[in-house]
Structures are given as structure tokens and as C-alpha cells.
Protein backbone atom coordinates (compact mmCIF):
# COMPACT_ATOMS: atom_id res chain seq x y z
CA MET A 1 118.85 111.15 42.87
CA LYS A 2 117.48 107.80 41.63
CA THR A 3 119.73 107.47 38.59
CA ILE A 4 123.55 107.37 38.28
CA GLY A 5 125.79 107.53 35.42
CA VAL A 6 129.08 105.66 35.46
CA ILE A 7 131.65 106.29 32.75
CA GLY A 8 133.88 103.33 32.10
CA ALA A 9 133.26 99.46 32.68
CA GLY A 10 136.43 98.51 34.06
CA THR A 11 137.37 97.39 37.39
CA MET A 12 136.64 100.81 39.14
CA GLY A 13 133.57 101.66 37.03
CA SER A 14 131.99 98.45 37.75
CA GLY A 15 132.71 98.41 41.44
CA ILE A 16 131.04 101.90 41.41
CA ALA A 17 128.29 100.71 39.38
CA GLN A 18 127.65 97.58 41.60
CA LEU A 19 127.87 99.59 44.78
CA PHE A 20 125.04 102.15 43.81
CA ALA A 21 122.88 99.25 42.28
CA GLN A 22 123.14 97.41 45.85
CA GLN A 23 121.91 100.61 47.17
CA GLY A 24 118.73 100.40 45.05
CA MET A 25 119.59 103.07 42.38
CA GLN A 26 119.47 102.51 38.81
CA VAL A 27 122.94 102.86 37.13
CA VAL A 28 123.44 103.53 33.50
CA MET A 29 127.28 102.66 32.80
CA GLN A 30 128.87 103.68 29.40
CA ASP A 31 132.27 102.53 27.70
CA ILE A 32 133.66 103.04 24.21
CA GLN A 33 133.35 99.55 23.20
CA GLU A 34 130.35 97.00 23.96
CA SER A 35 132.76 94.31 25.00
CA PHE A 36 134.01 96.58 27.64
CA LEU A 37 130.42 96.48 29.12
CA GLU A 38 129.81 93.06 28.52
CA ARG A 39 133.03 92.41 30.49
CA GLY A 40 131.89 94.88 33.32
CA ARG A 41 128.36 93.23 33.54
CA GLN A 42 130.04 89.82 33.79
CA GLY A 43 132.20 91.11 36.71
CA ILE A 44 129.61 92.43 38.71
CA GLU A 45 127.45 89.18 38.34
CA LYS A 46 130.59 87.25 39.36
CA SER A 47 130.97 89.59 42.35
CA LEU A 48 127.21 89.39 43.52
CA GLN A 49 127.33 85.57 42.98
CA LYS A 50 130.53 85.48 45.47
CA LEU A 51 128.66 87.77 47.88
CA ALA A 52 125.45 85.47 47.61
CA GLU A 53 127.51 82.55 48.36
CA LEU A 54 129.53 84.11 51.29
CA SER A 55 126.51 85.46 52.89
CA GLY A 56 124.36 81.93 52.58
CA PHE A 57 121.56 83.98 50.33
CA SER A 58 120.52 82.70 46.77
CA CYS A 59 120.89 84.74 43.97
CA GLY A 60 118.56 83.87 40.95
CA ASP A 61 119.53 86.75 38.67
CA PRO A 62 122.22 88.82 40.08
CA ALA A 63 121.66 91.42 37.56
CA GLY A 64 118.16 92.21 38.89
CA GLY A 65 116.38 90.96 35.79
CA ASP A 66 117.32 94.17 33.97
CA SER A 67 120.96 93.91 32.53
CA SER A 68 120.58 97.42 30.98
CA TYR A 69 124.01 98.78 32.25
């Protein structure tokens, strides 16, 4: 399995999407409104930035260059 689909971009959905993306999988996230997807994507970016700061790594593009959630 290389691609996973996540229905819902809320706290749980975006967390699940982030977890699988961090494991190297392609993630497709869907929600009923584009604004919900954007909020979920921003939450993932914020979380990745915080992880990068705590671990001492630099995070140039937390979304990995592909923001097609």
C-alpha cells in the first residue's frame, strides 16, 4: 500500500494524514469544504514545524513540496 485516503480534515483526520505522510506514504485527504481541508493542511504544517523545532531539524517545506492533500 502506497496511498491512503483520509475522510475528514479535522483534528483526528489531519493527525492520521500526518502520521501516514511521515511514514512516507502518499495521502489523499477529503472533506466536505475546501476551507476545512485548508485548515487541516495548516494544522499539519504547524505540527511539523513544531516537531522540527523540537528535534533541531530545519523544515524548509513541511508539506514536502506537494500540498495536494
